[in-house]
Amino acid sequence: MTVRNQICFVILPLLVLSWQNPSHAQSVQSPPKPNSFKSFATTVGSDVLYVFSAPVRMGREEGLTLLTLATVATGFMAFLDDPIDERFIEGDDFYIKPAIGLARIGDSYDRVSSRMILAGLSASMLTGSLILQDQKLLETTRLTVESALIAGAITQAAKRIFGRARPYTGEGPAEFEPLTLRSGKEIRSFPSGHATSAFAMMTVIAKQYNKWWVKIPAYTVAVAVALQRIDSRNHWSADVVVGGAIGYWVGSSLVNRYKQQSNKRLVNPYILGGRVGVLVNF
């Protein structure tokens, strides 16, 4: 990635985040206040804290889901990663051919890079929201950027903790070098960063616009990216399963948080001109 592209990747997401803050979401009773760095930092910081504090709020259902994911990932590592890798190499299996065909869609994502996809997508959505004065699209833009960055941070940390060798190294699916923080990308296989970012972004879009004609293309792109990472032998199947799960979880958490907030009715007492009553905000 060139220096110019790196600068664009840093600036565009920050621009998106700075445009969406609590002042935009005020009701008609409270006129919007000017944008400020303080409100921007509060909003983003609150979302980051919400996601990373999820283990503290984890209930029985969430715990069982996490246990199931860990079991599935372990099962893939032990029994399926190697056979799936071999079948993708051969490419003539009846069930693998469609997957390889779908992986071609993910080739473009890989060539452009997930960073530039995020920058381009967020810039396009931001521009559209401002031109159309579309508050929902503006919020979707912010949540998309936050989801990709937060999920990406989790995945990058996990890569360094597990230190799993990539398929192209020939080391096999059981080769791990945990906590080797300064080693190269050849042992950064688990989880898949591309799958994480794709599912993080596409999940936000699919859940914000809960229509089949949005959800099917969005998740098709995410799955295609995951399959491309297996087909290119950059990742094992367990890597993309866990990476996709991280992206989906972060995206879902952020969207659900704001949907819950918007669905709450706020009831406040008021005293005005000798009148006493209750103000209900929907």
C-alpha atoms as a PDB file:
ATOM      1  CA  MET A   1       0.000   0.000   0.000  1.00  0.00           C
ATOM      2  CA  THR A   2       1.403   3.406  -1.002  1.00  0.00           C
ATOM      3  CA  VAL A   3       1.846   6.266   1.459  1.00  0.00           C
ATOM      4  CA  ARG A   4      -0.981   8.135  -0.262  1.00  0.00           C
ATOM      5  CA  ASN A   5      -3.366   5.199   0.183  1.00  0.00           C
ATOM      6  CA  GLN A   6      -2.381   4.830   3.821  1.00  0.00           C
ATOM      7  CA  ILE A   7      -3.149   8.507   4.443  1.00  0.00           C
ATOM      8  CA  CYS A   8      -6.559   8.149   2.761  1.00  0.00           C
ATOM      9  CA  PHE A   9      -7.354   5.105   4.861  1.00  0.00           C
ATOM     10  CA  VAL A  10      -6.622   7.014   8.058  1.00  0.00           C
ATOM     11  CA  ILE A  11      -8.376  10.267   7.131  1.00  0.00           C
ATOM     12  CA  LEU A  12     -11.610   8.987   5.559  1.00  0.00           C
ATOM     13  CA  PRO A  13     -12.822   6.797   8.444  1.00  0.00           C
ATOM     14  CA  LEU A  14     -12.018   9.570  10.909  1.00  0.00           C
ATOM     15  CA  LEU A  15     -13.983  12.008   8.774  1.00  0.00           C
ATOM     16  CA  VAL A  16     -16.936   9.623   8.769  1.00  0.00           C
ATOM     17  CA  LEU A  17     -16.849   9.191  12.531  1.00  0.00           C
ATOM     18  CA  SER A  18     -16.589  12.921  13.137  1.00  0.00           C
ATOM     19  CA  TRP A  19     -19.770  13.586  11.173  1.00  0.00           C
ATOM     20  CA  GLN A  20     -21.887  11.254  13.280  1.00  0.00           C
ATOM     21  CA  ASN A  21     -22.262  12.124  16.936  1.00  0.00           C
ATOM     22  CA  PRO A  22     -25.030  12.386  19.515  1.00  0.00           C
ATOM     23  CA  SER A  23     -25.908  15.921  18.496  1.00  0.00           C
ATOM     24  CA  HIS A  24     -27.297  14.582  15.194  1.00  0.00           C
ATOM     25  CA  ALA A  25     -29.719  12.295  16.999  1.00  0.00           C
ATOM     26  CA  GLN A  26     -31.446  14.890  19.171  1.00  0.00           C
ATOM     27  CA  SER A  27     -35.231  14.982  19.129  1.00  0.00           C
ATOM     28  CA  VAL A  28     -37.285  17.943  17.971  1.00  0.00           C
ATOM     29  CA  GLN A  29     -37.529  19.120  21.566  1.00  0.00           C
ATOM     30  CA  SER A  30     -33.748  19.581  21.721  1.00  0.00           C
ATOM     31  CA  PRO A  31     -32.278  21.438  18.723  1.00  0.00           C
ATOM     32  CA  PRO A  32     -29.063  19.953  17.293  1.00  0.00           C
ATOM     33  CA  LYS A  33     -25.840  21.340  18.638  1.00  0.00           C
ATOM     34  CA  PRO A  34     -22.779  22.007  16.511  1.00  0.00           C
ATOM     35  CA  ASN A  35     -20.352  19.151  15.890  1.00  0.00           C
ATOM     36  CA  SER A  36     -17.574  18.940  18.408  1.00  0.00           C
ATOM     37  CA  PHE A  37     -14.623  16.682  19.034  1.00  0.00           C
ATOM     38  CA  LYS A  38     -15.947  16.051  22.530  1.00  0.00           C
ATOM     39  CA  SER A  39     -19.249  14.604  21.318  1.00  0.00           C
ATOM     40  CA  PHE A  40     -17.448  12.603  18.647  1.00  0.00           C
ATOM     41  CA  ALA A  41     -15.016  11.121  21.162  1.00  0.00           C
ATOM     42  CA  THR A  42     -17.821  10.387  23.603  1.00  0.00           C
ATOM     43  CA  THR A  43     -19.868   8.512  21.022  1.00  0.00           C
ATOM     44  CA  VAL A  44     -17.022   6.442  19.639  1.00  0.00           C
ATOM     45  CA  GLY A  45     -15.507   5.830  23.057  1.00  0.00           C
ATOM     46  CA  SER A  46     -18.870   4.669  24.366  1.00  0.00           C
ATOM     47  CA  ASP A  47     -19.243   2.184  21.513  1.00  0.00           C
ATOM     48  CA  VAL A  48     -15.729   0.821  21.973  1.00  0.00           C
ATOM     49  CA  LEU A  49     -16.303   0.394  25.706  1.00  0.00           C
ATOM     50  CA  TYR A  50     -19.651  -1.283  25.045  1.00  0.00           C
ATOM     51  CA  VAL A  51     -18.108  -3.912  22.778  1.00  0.00           C
ATOM     52  CA  PHE A  52     -15.037  -4.632  24.896  1.00  0.00           C
ATOM     53  CA  SER A  53     -17.075  -4.824  28.095  1.00  0.00           C
ATOM     54  CA  ALA A  54     -19.373  -7.459  26.578  1.00  0.00           C
ATOM     55  CA  PRO A  55     -17.780 -10.332  28.566  1.00  0.00           C
ATOM     56  CA  VAL A  56     -18.857  -8.609  31.788  1.00  0.00           C
ATOM     57  CA  ARG A  57     -22.470  -8.512  30.582  1.00  0.00           C
ATOM     58  CA  MET A  58     -22.385 -12.014  29.136  1.00  0.00           C
ATOM     59  CA  GLY A  59     -25.349 -14.144  30.156  1.00  0.00           C
ATOM     60  CA  ARG A  60     -26.068 -17.830  29.855  1.00  0.00           C
ATOM     61  CA  GLU A  61     -27.147 -17.636  26.213  1.00  0.00           C
ATOM     62  CA  GLU A  62     -24.097 -15.664  25.134  1.00  0.00           C
ATOM     63  CA  GLY A  63     -21.836 -18.015  27.087  1.00  0.00           C
ATOM     64  CA  LEU A  64     -23.303 -21.043  25.325  1.00  0.00           C
ATOM     65  CA  THR A  65     -22.857 -19.322  21.961  1.00  0.00           C
ATOM     66  CA  LEU A  66     -19.198 -18.624  22.710  1.00  0.00           C
ATOM     67  CA  LEU A  67     -18.668 -22.211  23.864  1.00  0.00           C
ATOM     68  CA  THR A  68     -20.300 -23.507  20.682  1.00  0.00           C
ATOM     69  CA  LEU A  69     -18.051 -21.324  18.520  1.00  0.00           C
ATOM     70  CA  ALA A  70     -14.952 -22.526  20.383  1.00  0.00           C
ATOM     71  CA  THR A  71     -16.060 -26.143  19.939  1.00  0.00           C
ATOM     72  CA  VAL A  72     -16.732 -25.676  16.224  1.00  0.00           C
ATOM     73  CA  ALA A  73     -13.378 -23.943  15.689  1.00  0.00           C
ATOM     74  CA  THR A  74     -11.553 -26.714  17.546  1.00  0.00           C
ATOM     75  CA  GLY A  75     -13.383 -29.310  15.485  1.00  0.00           C
ATOM     76  CA  PHE A  76     -12.367 -27.600  12.259  1.00  0.00           C
ATOM     77  CA  MET A  77      -8.744 -27.410  13.363  1.00  0.00           C
ATOM     78  CA  ALA A  78      -8.603 -31.056  14.396  1.00  0.00           C
ATOM     79  CA  PHE A  79     -10.577 -32.731  11.636  1.00  0.00           C
ATOM     80  CA  LEU A  80     -11.547 -30.447   8.749  1.00  0.00           C
ATOM     81  CA  ASP A  81      -8.885 -27.810   8.059  1.00  0.00           C
ATOM     82  CA  ASP A  82      -6.456 -30.120   6.297  1.00  0.00           C
ATOM     83  CA  PRO A  83      -9.060 -31.995   4.160  1.00  0.00           C
ATOM     84  CA  ILE A  84     -10.762 -28.746   3.127  1.00  0.00           C
ATOM     85  CA  ASP A  85      -7.396 -27.233   2.162  1.00  0.00           C
ATOM     86  CA  GLU A  86      -6.574 -30.291   0.026  1.00  0.00           C
ATOM     87  CA  ARG A  87      -9.944 -30.213  -1.722  1.00  0.00           C
ATOM     88  CA  PHE A  88      -9.535 -26.539  -2.586  1.00  0.00           C
ATOM     89  CA  ILE A  89      -6.107 -27.345  -4.046  1.00  0.00           C
ATOM     90  CA  GLU A  90      -7.541 -30.140  -6.196  1.00  0.00           C
ATOM     91  CA  GLY A  91     -10.523 -28.013  -7.170  1.00  0.00           C
ATOM     92  CA  ASP A  92     -12.500 -30.832  -8.804  1.00  0.00           C
ATOM     93  CA  ASP A  93     -14.804 -31.818  -5.948  1.00  0.00           C
ATOM     94  CA  PHE A  94     -18.533 -31.435  -6.697  1.00  0.00           C
ATOM     95  CA  TYR A  95     -19.059 -29.340  -3.569  1.00  0.00           C
ATOM     96  CA  ILE A  96     -15.856 -27.321  -3.885  1.00  0.00           C
ATOM     97  CA  LYS A  97     -16.338 -26.035  -7.433  1.00  0.00           C
ATOM     98  CA  PRO A  98     -19.213 -23.675  -6.524  1.00  0.00           C
ATOM     99  CA  ALA A  99     -17.213 -22.417  -3.542  1.00  0.00           C
ATOM    100  CA  ILE A 100     -14.212 -21.686  -5.748  1.00  0.00           C
ATOM    101  CA  GLY A 101     -16.489 -19.883  -8.196  1.00  0.00           C
ATOM    102  CA  LEU A 102     -17.902 -17.747  -5.400  1.00  0.00           C
ATOM    103  CA  ALA A 103     -14.368 -17.064  -4.186  1.00  0.00           C
ATOM    104  CA  ARG A 104     -13.704 -15.208  -7.447  1.00  0.00           C
ATOM    105  CA  ILE A 105     -15.907 -12.405  -6.142  1.00  0.00           C
ATOM    106  CA  GLY A 106     -13.581 -12.135  -3.178  1.00  0.00           C
ATOM    107  CA  ASP A 107     -10.543 -11.683  -5.443  1.00  0.00           C
ATOM    108  CA  SER A 108     -11.366  -8.021  -6.010  1.00  0.00           C
ATOM    109  CA  TYR A 109     -11.674  -7.451  -2.273  1.00  0.00           C
ATOM    110  CA  ASP A 110      -8.239  -8.987  -1.780  1.00  0.00           C
ATOM    111  CA  ARG A 111      -6.602  -6.987  -4.583  1.00  0.00           C
ATOM    112  CA  VAL A 112      -7.960  -3.648  -3.372  1.00  0.00           C
ATOM    113  CA  SER A 113      -7.334  -4.490   0.333  1.00  0.00           C
ATOM    114  CA  SER A 114      -9.799  -4.372   3.186  1.00  0.00           C
ATOM    115  CA  ARG A 115      -8.466  -0.987   4.312  1.00  0.00           C
ATOM    116  CA  MET A 116      -9.189   0.709   1.012  1.00  0.00           C
ATOM    117  CA  ILE A 117     -12.571  -1.020   0.751  1.00  0.00           C
ATOM    118  CA  LEU A 118     -13.480   0.433   4.145  1.00  0.00           C
ATOM    119  CA  ALA A 119     -12.236   3.886   3.181  1.00  0.00           C
ATOM    120  CA  GLY A 120     -14.050   3.886  -0.164  1.00  0.00           C
ATOM    121  CA  LEU A 121     -17.280   2.455   1.203  1.00  0.00           C
ATOM    122  CA  SER A 122     -17.410   4.829   4.154  1.00  0.00           C
ATOM    123  CA  ALA A 123     -16.626   7.858   1.990  1.00  0.00           C
ATOM    124  CA  SER A 124     -19.364   6.915  -0.495  1.00  0.00           C
ATOM    125  CA  MET A 125     -21.927   6.353   2.248  1.00  0.00           C
ATOM    126  CA  LEU A 126     -20.979   9.583   3.993  1.00  0.00           C
ATOM    127  CA  THR A 127     -21.315  11.566   0.780  1.00  0.00           C
ATOM    128  CA  GLY A 128     -24.686   9.991   0.040  1.00  0.00           C
ATOM    129  CA  SER A 129     -26.007  10.642   3.546  1.00  0.00           C
ATOM    130  CA  LEU A 130     -25.039  14.317   3.402  1.00  0.00           C
ATOM    131  CA  ILE A 131     -26.461  14.876  -0.072  1.00  0.00           C
ATOM    132  CA  LEU A 132     -29.715  13.070   0.731  1.00  0.00           C
ATOM    133  CA  GLN A 133     -29.870  14.360   4.321  1.00  0.00           C
ATOM    134  CA  ASP A 134     -30.397  10.736   5.328  1.00  0.00           C
ATOM    135  CA  GLN A 135     -29.885  10.351   9.083  1.00  0.00           C
ATOM    136  CA  LYS A 136     -30.100   6.540   9.014  1.00  0.00           C
ATOM    137  CA  LEU A 137     -27.450   6.269   6.301  1.00  0.00           C
ATOM    138  CA  LEU A 138     -25.225   8.616   8.312  1.00  0.00           C
ATOM    139  CA  GLU A 139     -25.574   6.422  11.381  1.00  0.00           C
ATOM    140  CA  THR A 140     -24.970   3.303   9.250  1.00  0.00           C
ATOM    141  CA  THR A 141     -21.763   4.858   7.959  1.00  0.00           C
ATOM    142  CA  ARG A 142     -20.461   5.486  11.450  1.00  0.00           C
ATOM    143  CA  LEU A 143     -21.417   2.016  12.684  1.00  0.00           C
ATOM    144  CA  THR A 144     -19.798   0.399   9.634  1.00  0.00           C
ATOM    145  CA  VAL A 145     -16.487   2.137  10.293  1.00  0.00           C
ATOM    146  CA  GLU A 146     -16.607   1.437  14.022  1.00  0.00           C
ATOM    147  CA  SER A 147     -17.488  -2.215  13.462  1.00  0.00           C
ATOM    148  CA  ALA A 148     -14.616  -2.783  11.036  1.00  0.00           C
ATOM    149  CA  LEU A 149     -12.049  -1.031  13.231  1.00  0.00           C
ATOM    150  CA  ILE A 150     -13.134  -2.622  16.530  1.00  0.00           C
ATOM    151  CA  ALA A 151     -13.459  -6.129  15.060  1.00  0.00           C
ATOM    152  CA  GLY A 152     -10.130  -5.659  13.291  1.00  0.00           C
ATOM    153  CA  ALA A 153      -8.414  -4.752  16.548  1.00  0.00           C
ATOM    154  CA  ILE A 154      -9.761  -7.910  18.208  1.00  0.00           C
ATOM    155  CA  THR A 155      -8.602 -10.080  15.331  1.00  0.00           C
ATOM    156  CA  GLN A 156      -5.141  -8.527  15.156  1.00  0.00           C
ATOM    157  CA  ALA A 157      -4.659  -9.168  18.868  1.00  0.00           C
ATOM    158  CA  ALA A 158      -5.819 -12.771  18.461  1.00  0.00           C
ATOM    159  CA  LYS A 159      -3.396 -13.336  15.574  1.00  0.00           C
ATOM    160  CA  ARG A 160      -0.472 -12.458  17.811  1.00  0.00           C
ATOM    161  CA  ILE A 161      -1.767 -14.507  20.708  1.00  0.00           C
ATOM    162  CA  PHE A 162      -2.256 -17.741  18.746  1.00  0.00           C
ATOM    163  CA  GLY A 163       0.513 -17.462  16.141  1.00  0.00           C
ATOM    164  CA  ARG A 164      -0.930 -20.052  13.759  1.00  0.00           C
ATOM    165  CA  ALA A 165       1.009 -20.906  10.591  1.00  0.00           C
ATOM    166  CA  ARG A 166      -0.692 -20.170   7.285  1.00  0.00           C
ATOM    167  CA  PRO A 167      -1.503 -23.014   4.851  1.00  0.00           C
ATOM    168  CA  TYR A 168       0.997 -21.870   2.229  1.00  0.00           C
ATOM    169  CA  THR A 169       3.890 -22.413   4.656  1.00  0.00           C
ATOM    170  CA  GLY A 170       3.366 -26.174   4.483  1.00  0.00           C
ATOM    171  CA  GLU A 171       3.625 -26.466   8.272  1.00  0.00           C
ATOM    172  CA  GLY A 172       0.168 -28.009   8.665  1.00  0.00           C
ATOM    173  CA  PRO A 173      -2.933 -26.905  10.591  1.00  0.00           C
ATOM    174  CA  ALA A 174      -1.532 -27.864  14.006  1.00  0.00           C
ATOM    175  CA  GLU A 175       1.483 -25.525  13.892  1.00  0.00           C
ATOM    176  CA  PHE A 176       1.175 -22.729  16.464  1.00  0.00           C
ATOM    177  CA  GLU A 177       3.718 -20.313  17.915  1.00  0.00           C
ATOM    178  CA  PRO A 178       1.757 -18.520  20.648  1.00  0.00           C
ATOM    179  CA  LEU A 179       2.687 -15.025  21.806  1.00  0.00           C
ATOM    180  CA  THR A 180       5.434 -14.509  19.222  1.00  0.00           C
ATOM    181  CA  LEU A 181       4.605 -10.838  18.917  1.00  0.00           C
ATOM    182  CA  ARG A 182       7.407  -9.811  16.574  1.00  0.00           C
ATOM    183  CA  SER A 183       7.214 -12.615  14.014  1.00  0.00           C
ATOM    184  CA  GLY A 184       6.117 -12.221  10.399  1.00  0.00           C
ATOM    185  CA  LYS A 185       2.712 -12.603   8.793  1.00  0.00           C
ATOM    186  CA  GLU A 186       3.323 -16.262   7.933  1.00  0.00           C
ATOM    187  CA  ILE A 187       2.187 -17.127  11.468  1.00  0.00           C
ATOM    188  CA  ARG A 188      -0.725 -14.711  11.554  1.00  0.00           C
ATOM    189  CA  SER A 189      -3.325 -17.101  10.176  1.00  0.00           C
ATOM    190  CA  PHE A 190      -5.854 -17.305  13.016  1.00  0.00           C
ATOM    191  CA  PRO A 191      -8.339 -15.620  12.745  1.00  0.00           C
ATOM    192  CA  SER A 192      -8.765 -14.211   9.230  1.00  0.00           C
ATOM    193  CA  GLY A 193      -8.584 -10.427   9.117  1.00  0.00           C
ATOM    194  CA  HIS A 194     -10.249 -10.248   5.698  1.00  0.00           C
ATOM    195  CA  ALA A 195     -13.196 -12.367   6.853  1.00  0.00           C
ATOM    196  CA  THR A 196     -13.478 -10.273  10.003  1.00  0.00           C
ATOM    197  CA  SER A 197     -13.602  -6.938   8.199  1.00  0.00           C
ATOM    198  CA  ALA A 198     -15.966  -8.178   5.475  1.00  0.00           C
ATOM    199  CA  PHE A 199     -18.481  -9.592   7.944  1.00  0.00           C
ATOM    200  CA  ALA A 200     -18.137  -6.576  10.254  1.00  0.00           C
ATOM    201  CA  MET A 201     -19.060  -4.141   7.483  1.00  0.00           C
ATOM    202  CA  MET A 202     -21.652  -6.255   5.700  1.00  0.00           C
ATOM    203  CA  THR A 203     -23.428  -7.205   8.935  1.00  0.00           C
ATOM    204  CA  VAL A 204     -24.008  -3.563   9.856  1.00  0.00           C
ATOM    205  CA  ILE A 205     -25.414  -2.786   6.416  1.00  0.00           C
ATOM    206  CA  ALA A 206     -27.592  -5.921   6.338  1.00  0.00           C
ATOM    207  CA  LYS A 207     -29.026  -5.310   9.801  1.00  0.00           C
ATOM    208  CA  GLN A 208     -29.589  -1.593   9.331  1.00  0.00           C
ATOM    209  CA  TYR A 209     -31.502  -2.232   6.097  1.00  0.00           C
ATOM    210  CA  ASN A 210     -33.280  -5.465   6.888  1.00  0.00           C
ATOM    211  CA  LYS A 211     -34.431  -6.277   3.346  1.00  0.00           C
ATOM    212  CA  TRP A 212     -33.647  -9.432   1.394  1.00  0.00           C
ATOM    213  CA  TRP A 213     -32.273  -7.413  -1.516  1.00  0.00           C
ATOM    214  CA  VAL A 214     -29.730  -5.864   0.856  1.00  0.00           C
ATOM    215  CA  LYS A 215     -28.970  -8.876   3.057  1.00  0.00           C
ATOM    216  CA  ILE A 216     -28.346 -11.415   0.284  1.00  0.00           C
ATOM    217  CA  PRO A 217     -25.766  -9.325  -1.641  1.00  0.00           C
ATOM    218  CA  ALA A 218     -24.113  -8.160   1.591  1.00  0.00           C
ATOM    219  CA  TYR A 219     -23.630 -11.620   3.061  1.00  0.00           C
ATOM    220  CA  THR A 220     -22.729 -13.061  -0.357  1.00  0.00           C
ATOM    221  CA  VAL A 221     -19.806 -10.645  -0.526  1.00  0.00           C
ATOM    222  CA  ALA A 222     -18.731 -11.554   3.019  1.00  0.00           C
ATOM    223  CA  VAL A 223     -18.872 -15.302   2.338  1.00  0.00           C
ATOM    224  CA  ALA A 224     -17.043 -14.828  -0.985  1.00  0.00           C
ATOM    225  CA  VAL A 225     -14.217 -13.021   0.811  1.00  0.00           C
ATOM    226  CA  ALA A 226     -13.965 -15.843   3.350  1.00  0.00           C
ATOM    227  CA  LEU A 227     -13.862 -18.508   0.642  1.00  0.00           C
ATOM    228  CA  GLN A 228     -11.231 -16.564  -1.293  1.00  0.00           C
ATOM    229  CA  ARG A 229      -8.943 -16.636   1.735  1.00  0.00           C
ATOM    230  CA  ILE A 230      -9.197 -20.440   1.824  1.00  0.00           C
ATOM    231  CA  ASP A 231      -8.797 -20.782  -1.951  1.00  0.00           C
ATOM    232  CA  SER A 232      -5.678 -18.579  -1.960  1.00  0.00           C
ATOM    233  CA  ARG A 233      -4.256 -20.684   0.899  1.00  0.00           C
ATOM    234  CA  ASN A 234      -3.806 -17.667   3.123  1.00  0.00           C
ATOM    235  CA  HIS A 235      -6.121 -19.161   5.735  1.00  0.00           C
ATOM    236  CA  TRP A 236      -7.507 -22.412   7.056  1.00  0.00           C
ATOM    237  CA  SER A 237     -11.260 -22.903   7.224  1.00  0.00           C
ATOM    238  CA  ALA A 238     -11.285 -22.418  11.019  1.00  0.00           C
ATOM    239  CA  ASP A 239      -9.605 -19.034  10.539  1.00  0.00           C
ATOM    240  CA  VAL A 240     -12.396 -17.677   8.362  1.00  0.00           C
ATOM    241  CA  VAL A 241     -15.141 -19.197  10.527  1.00  0.00           C
ATOM    242  CA  VAL A 242     -13.837 -17.462  13.650  1.00  0.00           C
ATOM    243  CA  GLY A 243     -12.929 -14.259  11.799  1.00  0.00           C
ATOM    244  CA  GLY A 244     -16.413 -14.074  10.299  1.00  0.00           C
ATOM    245  CA  ALA A 245     -17.962 -14.742  13.709  1.00  0.00           C
ATOM    246  CA  ILE A 246     -15.987 -11.885  15.274  1.00  0.00           C
ATOM    247  CA  GLY A 247     -17.051  -9.471  12.547  1.00  0.00           C
ATOM    248  CA  TYR A 248     -20.685 -10.567  12.743  1.00  0.00           C
ATOM    249  CA  TRP A 249     -20.749 -10.310  16.529  1.00  0.00           C
ATOM    250  CA  VAL A 250     -19.253  -6.803  16.656  1.00  0.00           C
ATOM    251  CA  GLY A 251     -21.496  -5.525  13.859  1.00  0.00           C
ATOM    252  CA  SER A 252     -24.599  -7.039  15.440  1.00  0.00           C
ATOM    253  CA  SER A 253     -23.721  -5.693  18.893  1.00  0.00           C
ATOM    254  CA  LEU A 254     -23.376  -2.117  17.669  1.00  0.00           C
ATOM    255  CA  VAL A 255     -26.523  -2.162  15.547  1.00  0.00           C
ATOM    256  CA  ASN A 256     -28.595  -3.780  18.282  1.00  0.00           C
ATOM    257  CA  ARG A 257     -27.349  -1.264  20.815  1.00  0.00           C
ATOM    258  CA  TYR A 258     -28.653   1.700  18.839  1.00  0.00           C
ATOM    259  CA  LYS A 259     -31.874  -0.029  17.885  1.00  0.00           C
ATOM    260  CA  GLN A 260     -32.589  -0.669  21.556  1.00  0.00           C
ATOM    261  CA  GLN A 261     -31.882   2.962  22.379  1.00  0.00           C
ATOM    262  CA  SER A 262     -34.139   4.265  19.589  1.00  0.00           C
ATOM    263  CA  ASN A 263     -36.971   1.959  20.660  1.00  0.00           C
ATOM    264  CA  LYS A 264     -37.010   3.251  24.225  1.00  0.00           C
ATOM    265  CA  ARG A 265     -39.639   5.773  25.188  1.00  0.00           C
ATOM    266  CA  LEU A 266     -38.253   8.600  27.234  1.00  0.00           C
ATOM    267  CA  VAL A 267     -40.741  10.029  29.748  1.00  0.00           C
ATOM    268  CA  ASN A 268     -39.815  13.289  31.433  1.00  0.00           C
ATOM    269  CA  PRO A 269     -41.858  15.590  33.703  1.00  0.00           C
ATOM    270  CA  TYR A 270     -41.992  19.265  32.838  1.00  0.00           C
ATOM    271  CA  ILE A 271     -43.187  22.524  34.377  1.00  0.00           C
ATOM    272  CA  LEU A 272     -43.915  25.347  31.958  1.00  0.00           C
ATOM    273  CA  GLY A 273     -45.973  28.475  32.492  1.00  0.00           C
ATOM    274  CA  GLY A 274     -47.751  27.121  35.539  1.00  0.00           C
ATOM    275  CA  ARG A 275     -48.502  23.849  33.731  1.00  0.00           C
ATOM    276  CA  VAL A 276     -47.310  20.507  34.966  1.00  0.00           C
ATOM    277  CA  GLY A 277     -47.210  17.494  32.669  1.00  0.00           C
ATOM    278  CA  VAL A 278     -45.259  14.630  31.178  1.00  0.00           C
ATOM    279  CA  LEU A 279     -43.210  14.851  27.982  1.00  0.00           C
ATOM    280  CA  VAL A 280     -42.923  11.602  26.033  1.00  0.00           C
ATOM    281  CA  ASN A 281     -40.194  11.297  23.396  1.00  0.00           C
ATOM    282  CA  PHE A 282     -40.594   8.515  20.845  1.00  0.00           C
END
